[in-house]
Amino acid sequence: MVRVTTTNRRGVLRAGAGLVTGGALAAGCGSGPAAPPASPASASPSATHTSGRSAATARTAPAARAYPGLPAQITHGPRTRPQVALTFHGQGETALAHSLLGEAEKHGARLTVLAVGTWLDEHPDIARRILDGGHDLGNHTQRHIAVNTLAEADARREITDCAERLKRLTGSIGTWFRPSRAPAATPLVTRLARAAGYPHVLSYDVDSLDYTAPGAAAVTRKVLAEVRGGSVVSLHFGYADTVAALPDILAELGRRGLRAVTTTELLS
């Protein structure tokens, strides 16, 4: 049995490719009541000025790419490889984000972070921190609202506004797009994402349900009960229980011979 240790919890407190059919799905993506509140729609002053860094001075981040033979919406990678992708919806307290990134790196794991645009506006340095740790960085819409329910022009703006933030901060629109407030994109949102430069929508086959705040042990059990080779796991920044669960998840993945890699590596 995998347990979340008291040491892990104290550490958190100190830190402070399958096809998905079209249609708007209601579950997932922090759609429950415990989800972190979306940031204001208007950009903060840091949206136009980072702390001394710019895309011109920092190395350019990897860009989105097409994977021939894979569907428009990817839910998992090859089942024959001993690898999994732990993907995180990027929003919430940056102290928890830094703690989670550090914990992953300590275990040799690489993550995929789908960032919310307003979160990047408020914390522009986090984009470079993610990339410097060897992780994937992608687009999770500008305001983390239910993008599948929006009119076409509004949905397009949610995707492109976040893409512009990523490009300004890193030199790239990011490696992946994931719709907000839904595990999969509608055909319209899939088309708009492709037009914005994302050949694939990144979904997942394992939902940790960490946004419901069930406790670290429950997050650990849920992930480990469903994960297998090639899985793409949905997790969230902003929850102390998720940070506390990560060491036990990674330790058990290692015992099973599964390595946590970026989604790009999983599919390459």
C-alpha atoms as a PDB file:
ATOM      1  CA  MET A   1       0.000   0.000   0.000  1.00  0.00           C
ATOM      2  CA  VAL A   2       1.329   3.463  -0.890  1.00  0.00           C
ATOM      3  CA  ARG A   3       1.078   6.014   1.921  1.00  0.00           C
ATOM      4  CA  VAL A   4       1.545   9.748   1.953  1.00  0.00           C
ATOM      5  CA  THR A   5       4.070  10.323   4.680  1.00  0.00           C
ATOM      6  CA  THR A   6       4.016  12.962   7.381  1.00  0.00           C
ATOM      7  CA  THR A   7       7.391  14.151   6.111  1.00  0.00           C
ATOM      8  CA  ASN A   8       5.960  14.849   2.685  1.00  0.00           C
ATOM      9  CA  ARG A   9       3.064  16.815   4.149  1.00  0.00           C
ATOM     10  CA  ARG A  10       5.410  18.886   6.341  1.00  0.00           C
ATOM     11  CA  GLY A  11       7.507  19.643   3.264  1.00  0.00           C
ATOM     12  CA  VAL A  12       4.483  21.019   1.476  1.00  0.00           C
ATOM     13  CA  LEU A  13       3.589  23.260   4.388  1.00  0.00           C
ATOM     14  CA  ARG A  14       7.112  24.574   4.478  1.00  0.00           C
ATOM     15  CA  ALA A  15       7.047  25.390   0.815  1.00  0.00           C
ATOM     16  CA  GLY A  16       3.891  27.271   1.446  1.00  0.00           C
ATOM     17  CA  ALA A  17      -2.429   8.550 -28.037  1.00  0.00           C
ATOM     18  CA  GLY A  18      -5.998   7.740 -28.289  1.00  0.00           C
ATOM     19  CA  LEU A  19      -8.823   9.466 -30.135  1.00  0.00           C
ATOM     20  CA  VAL A  20     -11.464  11.399 -28.243  1.00  0.00           C
ATOM     21  CA  THR A  21     -14.762  11.873 -29.971  1.00  0.00           C
ATOM     22  CA  GLY A  22     -16.005  15.447 -30.356  1.00  0.00           C
ATOM     23  CA  GLY A  23     -18.340  17.165 -27.933  1.00  0.00           C
ATOM     24  CA  ALA A  24     -18.110  19.236 -24.801  1.00  0.00           C
ATOM     25  CA  LEU A  25     -17.463  17.073 -21.768  1.00  0.00           C
ATOM     26  CA  ALA A  26     -18.450  18.563 -18.447  1.00  0.00           C
ATOM     27  CA  ALA A  27     -16.067  16.759 -16.109  1.00  0.00           C
ATOM     28  CA  GLY A  28     -12.424  17.421 -15.425  1.00  0.00           C
ATOM     29  CA  CYS A  29     -10.077  20.417 -15.663  1.00  0.00           C
ATOM     30  CA  GLY A  30     -10.852  21.733 -12.226  1.00  0.00           C
ATOM     31  CA  SER A  31     -14.532  22.088 -13.005  1.00  0.00           C
ATOM     32  CA  GLY A  32     -15.522  21.081  -9.472  1.00  0.00           C
ATOM     33  CA  PRO A  33     -16.236  23.553  -6.674  1.00  0.00           C
ATOM     34  CA  ALA A  34     -12.754  23.221  -5.228  1.00  0.00           C
ATOM     35  CA  ALA A  35     -11.059  24.522  -8.375  1.00  0.00           C
ATOM     36  CA  PRO A  36      -8.816  27.581  -7.923  1.00  0.00           C
ATOM     37  CA  PRO A  37     -10.615  30.796  -8.889  1.00  0.00           C
ATOM     38  CA  ALA A  38      -9.838  32.103 -12.345  1.00  0.00           C
ATOM     39  CA  SER A  39      -7.716  35.218 -12.473  1.00  0.00           C
ATOM     40  CA  PRO A  40      -9.223  38.516 -13.627  1.00  0.00           C
ATOM     41  CA  ALA A  41      -9.682  38.872 -17.361  1.00  0.00           C
ATOM     42  CA  SER A  42      -7.623  42.030 -17.611  1.00  0.00           C
ATOM     43  CA  ALA A  43      -3.862  41.698 -17.855  1.00  0.00           C
ATOM     44  CA  SER A  44      -1.680  42.956 -15.034  1.00  0.00           C
ATOM     45  CA  PRO A  45       1.162  45.421 -15.632  1.00  0.00           C
ATOM     46  CA  SER A  46       3.583  42.485 -15.748  1.00  0.00           C
ATOM     47  CA  ALA A  47       1.866  41.311 -18.910  1.00  0.00           C
ATOM     48  CA  THR A  48       3.922  43.774 -20.906  1.00  0.00           C
ATOM     49  CA  HIS A  49       7.126  43.823 -18.865  1.00  0.00           C
ATOM     50  CA  THR A  50       8.783  40.733 -17.424  1.00  0.00           C
ATOM     51  CA  SER A  51      11.428  41.041 -14.729  1.00  0.00           C
ATOM     52  CA  GLY A  52      14.235  41.988 -17.065  1.00  0.00           C
ATOM     53  CA  ARG A  53      13.760  38.997 -19.363  1.00  0.00           C
ATOM     54  CA  SER A  54      12.236  38.813 -22.784  1.00  0.00           C
ATOM     55  CA  ALA A  55      11.875  36.395 -25.651  1.00  0.00           C
ATOM     56  CA  ALA A  56      14.730  38.278 -27.306  1.00  0.00           C
ATOM     57  CA  THR A  57      17.199  37.540 -24.484  1.00  0.00           C
ATOM     58  CA  ALA A  58      16.050  34.070 -23.361  1.00  0.00           C
ATOM     59  CA  ARG A  59      16.511  30.922 -25.372  1.00  0.00           C
ATOM     60  CA  THR A  60      13.538  30.116 -27.545  1.00  0.00           C
ATOM     61  CA  ALA A  61      11.253  27.458 -26.134  1.00  0.00           C
ATOM     62  CA  PRO A  62      10.235  24.407 -28.184  1.00  0.00           C
ATOM     63  CA  ALA A  63       7.256  24.949 -30.457  1.00  0.00           C
ATOM     64  CA  ALA A  64       4.202  22.817 -31.086  1.00  0.00           C
ATOM     65  CA  ARG A  65       4.715  20.108 -33.697  1.00  0.00           C
ATOM     66  CA  ALA A  66       2.620  17.665 -35.648  1.00  0.00           C
ATOM     67  CA  TYR A  67       2.786  13.940 -34.989  1.00  0.00           C
ATOM     68  CA  PRO A  68       1.832  12.178 -38.233  1.00  0.00           C
ATOM     69  CA  GLY A  69      -0.495   9.260 -37.656  1.00  0.00           C
ATOM     70  CA  LEU A  70      -1.763  10.540 -34.320  1.00  0.00           C
ATOM     71  CA  PRO A  71      -5.305  11.882 -33.938  1.00  0.00           C
ATOM     72  CA  ALA A  72      -6.298  15.499 -33.494  1.00  0.00           C
ATOM     73  CA  GLN A  73      -6.931  14.839 -29.789  1.00  0.00           C
ATOM     74  CA  ILE A  74      -4.357  12.781 -27.967  1.00  0.00           C
ATOM     75  CA  THR A  75      -5.297  10.956 -24.787  1.00  0.00           C
ATOM     76  CA  HIS A  76      -2.273   8.703 -24.328  1.00  0.00           C
ATOM     77  CA  GLY A  77       1.029   7.661 -25.829  1.00  0.00           C
ATOM     78  CA  PRO A  78       2.334   4.267 -26.938  1.00  0.00           C
ATOM     79  CA  ARG A  79       1.316   1.539 -24.506  1.00  0.00           C
ATOM     80  CA  THR A  80       4.487  -0.413 -25.253  1.00  0.00           C
ATOM     81  CA  ARG A  81       6.823   2.168 -23.710  1.00  0.00           C
ATOM     82  CA  PRO A  82       7.605   2.255 -19.964  1.00  0.00           C
ATOM     83  CA  GLN A  83       6.834   5.952 -19.799  1.00  0.00           C
ATOM     84  CA  VAL A  84       3.995   8.178 -18.611  1.00  0.00           C
ATOM     85  CA  ALA A  85       3.292  11.906 -18.872  1.00  0.00           C
ATOM     86  CA  LEU A  86       2.234  13.786 -15.749  1.00  0.00           C
ATOM     87  CA  THR A  87       0.456  16.910 -17.000  1.00  0.00           C
ATOM     88  CA  PHE A  88      -0.465  19.883 -14.826  1.00  0.00           C
ATOM     89  CA  HIS A  89      -3.032  22.624 -15.253  1.00  0.00           C
ATOM     90  CA  GLY A  90      -0.930  25.726 -14.547  1.00  0.00           C
ATOM     91  CA  GLN A  91      -2.657  28.062 -12.120  1.00  0.00           C
ATOM     92  CA  GLY A  92      -2.654  28.818  -8.394  1.00  0.00           C
ATOM     93  CA  GLU A  93      -0.064  29.668  -5.739  1.00  0.00           C
ATOM     94  CA  THR A  94       3.407  29.845  -7.241  1.00  0.00           C
ATOM     95  CA  ALA A  95       4.992  28.627  -3.983  1.00  0.00           C
ATOM     96  CA  LEU A  96       3.209  25.323  -4.508  1.00  0.00           C
ATOM     97  CA  ALA A  97       4.208  25.287  -8.172  1.00  0.00           C
ATOM     98  CA  HIS A  98       7.878  25.798  -7.313  1.00  0.00           C
ATOM     99  CA  SER A  99       7.683  23.111  -4.643  1.00  0.00           C
ATOM    100  CA  LEU A 100       6.092  20.654  -7.051  1.00  0.00           C
ATOM    101  CA  LEU A 101       8.622  21.351  -9.811  1.00  0.00           C
ATOM    102  CA  GLY A 102      11.492  20.921  -7.388  1.00  0.00           C
ATOM    103  CA  GLU A 103      10.087  17.647  -6.064  1.00  0.00           C
ATOM    104  CA  ALA A 104       9.683  16.290  -9.595  1.00  0.00           C
ATOM    105  CA  GLU A 105      13.229  17.246 -10.540  1.00  0.00           C
ATOM    106  CA  LYS A 106      14.619  15.672  -7.371  1.00  0.00           C
ATOM    107  CA  HIS A 107      13.151  12.377  -8.585  1.00  0.00           C
ATOM    108  CA  GLY A 108      14.387  12.865 -12.160  1.00  0.00           C
ATOM    109  CA  ALA A 109      10.849  13.402 -13.474  1.00  0.00           C
ATOM    110  CA  ARG A 110       9.868  15.821 -16.216  1.00  0.00           C
ATOM    111  CA  LEU A 111       6.368  17.282 -16.387  1.00  0.00           C
ATOM    112  CA  THR A 112       4.044  18.968 -18.857  1.00  0.00           C
ATOM    113  CA  VAL A 113       2.521  22.246 -17.671  1.00  0.00           C
ATOM    114  CA  LEU A 114      -0.480  23.763 -19.464  1.00  0.00           C
ATOM    115  CA  ALA A 115      -0.458  27.364 -18.268  1.00  0.00           C
ATOM    116  CA  VAL A 116      -3.370  29.772 -17.899  1.00  0.00           C
ATOM    117  CA  GLY A 117      -2.627  33.117 -19.555  1.00  0.00           C
ATOM    118  CA  THR A 118      -3.667  35.331 -16.644  1.00  0.00           C
ATOM    119  CA  TRP A 119      -1.455  33.234 -14.359  1.00  0.00           C
ATOM    120  CA  LEU A 120       1.469  34.008 -16.663  1.00  0.00           C
ATOM    121  CA  ASP A 121       0.510  37.685 -16.584  1.00  0.00           C
ATOM    122  CA  GLU A 122       0.682  37.695 -12.790  1.00  0.00           C
ATOM    123  CA  HIS A 123       3.798  35.494 -12.532  1.00  0.00           C
ATOM    124  CA  PRO A 124       5.822  35.936 -15.741  1.00  0.00           C
ATOM    125  CA  ASP A 125       8.980  34.310 -14.324  1.00  0.00           C
ATOM    126  CA  ILE A 126       7.217  30.960 -13.873  1.00  0.00           C
ATOM    127  CA  ALA A 127       7.298  30.251 -17.622  1.00  0.00           C
ATOM    128  CA  ARG A 128      11.085  30.364 -17.718  1.00  0.00           C
ATOM    129  CA  ARG A 129      11.331  28.365 -14.477  1.00  0.00           C
ATOM    130  CA  ILE A 130       9.268  25.570 -16.029  1.00  0.00           C
ATOM    131  CA  LEU A 131      11.360  25.463 -19.182  1.00  0.00           C
ATOM    132  CA  ASP A 132      14.669  25.705 -17.350  1.00  0.00           C
ATOM    133  CA  GLY A 133      13.669  22.587 -15.413  1.00  0.00           C
ATOM    134  CA  GLY A 134      13.370  20.631 -18.650  1.00  0.00           C
ATOM    135  CA  HIS A 135       9.571  20.495 -18.618  1.00  0.00           C
ATOM    136  CA  ASP A 136       7.051  21.027 -21.408  1.00  0.00           C
ATOM    137  CA  LEU A 137       5.060  24.269 -21.352  1.00  0.00           C
ATOM    138  CA  GLY A 138       1.755  24.747 -23.162  1.00  0.00           C
ATOM    139  CA  ASN A 139      -1.485  26.708 -23.479  1.00  0.00           C
ATOM    140  CA  HIS A 140      -4.510  26.256 -21.198  1.00  0.00           C
ATOM    141  CA  THR A 141      -6.466  29.290 -22.477  1.00  0.00           C
ATOM    142  CA  GLN A 142      -6.227  32.855 -21.268  1.00  0.00           C
ATOM    143  CA  ARG A 143      -8.797  32.941 -18.443  1.00  0.00           C
ATOM    144  CA  HIS A 144      -9.542  29.273 -17.654  1.00  0.00           C
ATOM    145  CA  ILE A 145     -13.213  29.532 -18.510  1.00  0.00           C
ATOM    146  CA  ALA A 146     -15.353  26.909 -20.265  1.00  0.00           C
ATOM    147  CA  VAL A 147     -13.872  27.408 -23.724  1.00  0.00           C
ATOM    148  CA  ASN A 148     -16.082  24.749 -25.340  1.00  0.00           C
ATOM    149  CA  THR A 149     -19.187  26.799 -24.541  1.00  0.00           C
ATOM    150  CA  LEU A 150     -17.970  30.077 -26.055  1.00  0.00           C
ATOM    151  CA  ALA A 151     -18.856  31.654 -29.371  1.00  0.00           C
ATOM    152  CA  GLU A 152     -16.217  31.147 -32.044  1.00  0.00           C
ATOM    153  CA  ALA A 153     -14.649  34.601 -31.765  1.00  0.00           C
ATOM    154  CA  ASP A 154     -14.424  34.371 -27.969  1.00  0.00           C
ATOM    155  CA  ALA A 155     -12.984  30.861 -28.042  1.00  0.00           C
ATOM    156  CA  ARG A 156     -10.393  31.934 -30.600  1.00  0.00           C
ATOM    157  CA  ARG A 157      -9.394  34.847 -28.373  1.00  0.00           C
ATOM    158  CA  GLU A 158      -8.968  32.569 -25.338  1.00  0.00           C
ATOM    159  CA  ILE A 159      -6.518  30.420 -27.305  1.00  0.00           C
ATOM    160  CA  THR A 160      -4.594  33.148 -29.108  1.00  0.00           C
ATOM    161  CA  ASP A 161      -4.286  35.484 -26.116  1.00  0.00           C
ATOM    162  CA  CYS A 162      -2.581  32.761 -24.091  1.00  0.00           C
ATOM    163  CA  ALA A 163      -0.423  31.813 -27.087  1.00  0.00           C
ATOM    164  CA  GLU A 164       0.729  35.421 -27.375  1.00  0.00           C
ATOM    165  CA  ARG A 165       1.717  35.521 -23.701  1.00  0.00           C
ATOM    166  CA  LEU A 166       3.732  32.346 -24.076  1.00  0.00           C
ATOM    167  CA  LYS A 167       5.468  33.637 -27.193  1.00  0.00           C
ATOM    168  CA  ARG A 168       6.354  36.937 -25.544  1.00  0.00           C
ATOM    169  CA  LEU A 169       7.791  35.201 -22.483  1.00  0.00           C
ATOM    170  CA  THR A 170       9.547  32.262 -24.158  1.00  0.00           C
ATOM    171  CA  GLY A 171       9.727  32.877 -27.912  1.00  0.00           C
ATOM    172  CA  SER A 172       7.226  30.089 -28.629  1.00  0.00           C
ATOM    173  CA  ILE A 173       3.467  29.548 -28.362  1.00  0.00           C
ATOM    174  CA  GLY A 174       4.207  26.399 -26.367  1.00  0.00           C
ATOM    175  CA  THR A 175       4.257  22.734 -27.181  1.00  0.00           C
ATOM    176  CA  TRP A 176       0.637  21.796 -26.429  1.00  0.00           C
ATOM    177  CA  PHE A 177      -2.899  23.126 -26.111  1.00  0.00           C
ATOM    178  CA  ARG A 178      -5.455  21.781 -23.635  1.00  0.00           C
ATOM    179  CA  PRO A 179      -9.005  23.190 -23.372  1.00  0.00           C
ATOM    180  CA  SER A 180     -10.081  24.686 -20.066  1.00  0.00           C
ATOM    181  CA  ARG A 181     -12.954  23.280 -17.996  1.00  0.00           C
ATOM    182  CA  ALA A 182     -13.243  20.124 -20.116  1.00  0.00           C
ATOM    183  CA  PRO A 183     -11.098  17.036 -20.709  1.00  0.00           C
ATOM    184  CA  ALA A 184     -11.547  17.231 -24.487  1.00  0.00           C
ATOM    185  CA  ALA A 185     -12.167  19.938 -27.053  1.00  0.00           C
ATOM    186  CA  THR A 186     -15.181  20.294 -29.307  1.00  0.00           C
ATOM    187  CA  PRO A 187     -14.555  20.117 -33.066  1.00  0.00           C
ATOM    188  CA  LEU A 188     -14.735  23.929 -33.177  1.00  0.00           C
ATOM    189  CA  VAL A 189     -12.122  24.411 -30.461  1.00  0.00           C
ATOM    190  CA  THR A 190      -9.931  21.733 -32.042  1.00  0.00           C
ATOM    191  CA  ARG A 191     -10.071  23.634 -35.341  1.00  0.00           C
ATOM    192  CA  LEU A 192      -9.316  26.956 -33.657  1.00  0.00           C
ATOM    193  CA  ALA A 193      -6.365  25.448 -31.810  1.00  0.00           C
ATOM    194  CA  ARG A 194      -4.973  24.078 -35.056  1.00  0.00           C
ATOM    195  CA  ALA A 195      -5.345  27.505 -36.686  1.00  0.00           C
ATOM    196  CA  ALA A 196      -3.441  29.037 -33.760  1.00  0.00           C
ATOM    197  CA  GLY A 197      -0.532  26.659 -34.345  1.00  0.00           C
ATOM    198  CA  TYR A 198      -1.354  23.588 -32.243  1.00  0.00           C
ATOM    199  CA  PRO A 199      -1.708  20.518 -34.507  1.00  0.00           C
ATOM    200  CA  HIS A 200      -3.026  18.399 -31.617  1.00  0.00           C
ATOM    201  CA  VAL A 201      -5.187  18.910 -28.531  1.00  0.00           C
ATOM    202  CA  LEU A 202      -3.772  17.215 -25.439  1.00  0.00           C
ATOM    203  CA  SER A 203      -6.361  15.321 -23.430  1.00  0.00           C
ATOM    204  CA  TYR A 204      -5.665  12.524 -20.905  1.00  0.00           C
ATOM    205  CA  ASP A 205      -6.679   9.012 -19.910  1.00  0.00           C
ATOM    206  CA  VAL A 206      -6.146   9.312 -16.125  1.00  0.00           C
ATOM    207  CA  ASP A 207      -7.898  12.030 -14.117  1.00  0.00           C
ATOM    208  CA  SER A 208      -6.436  12.381 -10.620  1.00  0.00           C
ATOM    209  CA  LEU A 209      -9.470  14.394  -9.424  1.00  0.00           C
ATOM    210  CA  ASP A 210      -7.043  16.356  -7.271  1.00  0.00           C
ATOM    211  CA  TYR A 211      -9.065  19.541  -7.852  1.00  0.00           C
ATOM    212  CA  THR A 212     -11.826  18.083  -5.677  1.00  0.00           C
ATOM    213  CA  ALA A 213      -9.373  18.222  -2.728  1.00  0.00           C
ATOM    214  CA  PRO A 214      -9.870  14.569  -1.690  1.00  0.00           C
ATOM    215  CA  GLY A 215      -6.583  14.418   0.251  1.00  0.00           C
ATOM    216  CA  ALA A 216      -3.107  13.383  -0.821  1.00  0.00           C
ATOM    217  CA  ALA A 217      -3.679   9.671  -0.167  1.00  0.00           C
ATOM    218  CA  ALA A 218      -6.775   9.665  -2.383  1.00  0.00           C
ATOM    219  CA  VAL A 219      -4.917  11.436  -5.203  1.00  0.00           C
ATOM    220  CA  THR A 220      -2.135   8.866  -4.956  1.00  0.00           C
ATOM    221  CA  ARG A 221      -4.540   5.908  -5.003  1.00  0.00           C
ATOM    222  CA  LYS A 222      -6.541   7.256  -7.940  1.00  0.00           C
ATOM    223  CA  VAL A 223      -3.502   7.829 -10.121  1.00  0.00           C
ATOM    224  CA  LEU A 224      -1.788   4.549  -9.298  1.00  0.00           C
ATOM    225  CA  ALA A 225      -4.974   2.524  -9.770  1.00  0.00           C
ATOM    226  CA  GLU A 226      -5.359   3.710 -13.376  1.00  0.00           C
ATOM    227  CA  VAL A 227      -1.929   4.628 -14.728  1.00  0.00           C
ATOM    228  CA  ARG A 228      -0.129   2.325 -17.167  1.00  0.00           C
ATOM    229  CA  GLY A 229       2.492   2.604 -19.867  1.00  0.00           C
ATOM    230  CA  GLY A 230       1.725   5.511 -22.180  1.00  0.00           C
ATOM    231  CA  SER A 231      -0.767   7.195 -19.837  1.00  0.00           C
ATOM    232  CA  VAL A 232      -1.296  10.944 -19.766  1.00  0.00           C
ATOM    233  CA  VAL A 233      -2.295  11.933 -16.231  1.00  0.00           C
ATOM    234  CA  SER A 234      -4.239  15.103 -15.396  1.00  0.00           C
ATOM    235  CA  LEU A 235      -3.087  16.936 -12.248  1.00  0.00           C
ATOM    236  CA  HIS A 236      -3.162  20.540 -11.032  1.00  0.00           C
ATOM    237  CA  PHE A 237      -0.853  23.139  -9.574  1.00  0.00           C
ATOM    238  CA  GLY A 238      -2.337  25.035  -6.654  1.00  0.00           C
ATOM    239  CA  TYR A 239      -3.175  22.124  -4.337  1.00  0.00           C
ATOM    240  CA  ALA A 240      -0.955  21.165  -1.401  1.00  0.00           C
ATOM    241  CA  ASP A 241      -2.315  17.612  -1.491  1.00  0.00           C
ATOM    242  CA  THR A 242      -1.012  17.192  -5.038  1.00  0.00           C
ATOM    243  CA  VAL A 243       2.475  18.252  -3.982  1.00  0.00           C
ATOM    244  CA  ALA A 244       2.311  15.877  -1.025  1.00  0.00           C
ATOM    245  CA  ALA A 245       1.152  13.011  -3.243  1.00  0.00           C
ATOM    246  CA  LEU A 246       3.829  13.437  -5.909  1.00  0.00           C
ATOM    247  CA  PRO A 247       6.766  11.716  -4.151  1.00  0.00           C
ATOM    248  CA  ASP A 248       4.718   8.584  -3.479  1.00  0.00           C
ATOM    249  CA  ILE A 249       3.349   8.573  -7.028  1.00  0.00           C
ATOM    250  CA  LEU A 250       6.827   8.870  -8.501  1.00  0.00           C
ATOM    251  CA  ALA A 251       8.268   6.271  -6.154  1.00  0.00           C
ATOM    252  CA  GLU A 252       5.613   3.725  -7.101  1.00  0.00           C
ATOM    253  CA  LEU A 253       5.946   4.500 -10.801  1.00  0.00           C
ATOM    254  CA  GLY A 254       9.654   3.775 -10.421  1.00  0.00           C
ATOM    255  CA  ARG A 255       8.945   0.460  -8.714  1.00  0.00           C
ATOM    256  CA  ARG A 256       6.718  -0.449 -11.657  1.00  0.00           C
ATOM    257  CA  GLY A 257       9.450   0.472 -14.117  1.00  0.00           C
ATOM    258  CA  LEU A 258       7.567   3.538 -15.412  1.00  0.00           C
ATOM    259  CA  ARG A 259       9.355   6.837 -15.967  1.00  0.00           C
ATOM    260  CA  ALA A 260       7.656  10.259 -15.867  1.00  0.00           C
ATOM    261  CA  VAL A 261       8.648  12.171 -19.009  1.00  0.00           C
ATOM    262  CA  THR A 262       7.357  15.185 -20.908  1.00  0.00           C
ATOM    263  CA  THR A 263       4.524  14.594 -23.321  1.00  0.00           C
ATOM    264  CA  THR A 264       6.884  15.496 -26.142  1.00  0.00           C
ATOM    265  CA  GLU A 265       9.238  12.695 -25.106  1.00  0.00           C
ATOM    266  CA  LEU A 266       6.350  10.289 -24.580  1.00  0.00           C
ATOM    267  CA  LEU A 267       5.213  10.742 -28.176  1.00  0.00           C
ATOM    268  CA  SER A 268       8.594  11.144 -29.874  1.00  0.00           C
END
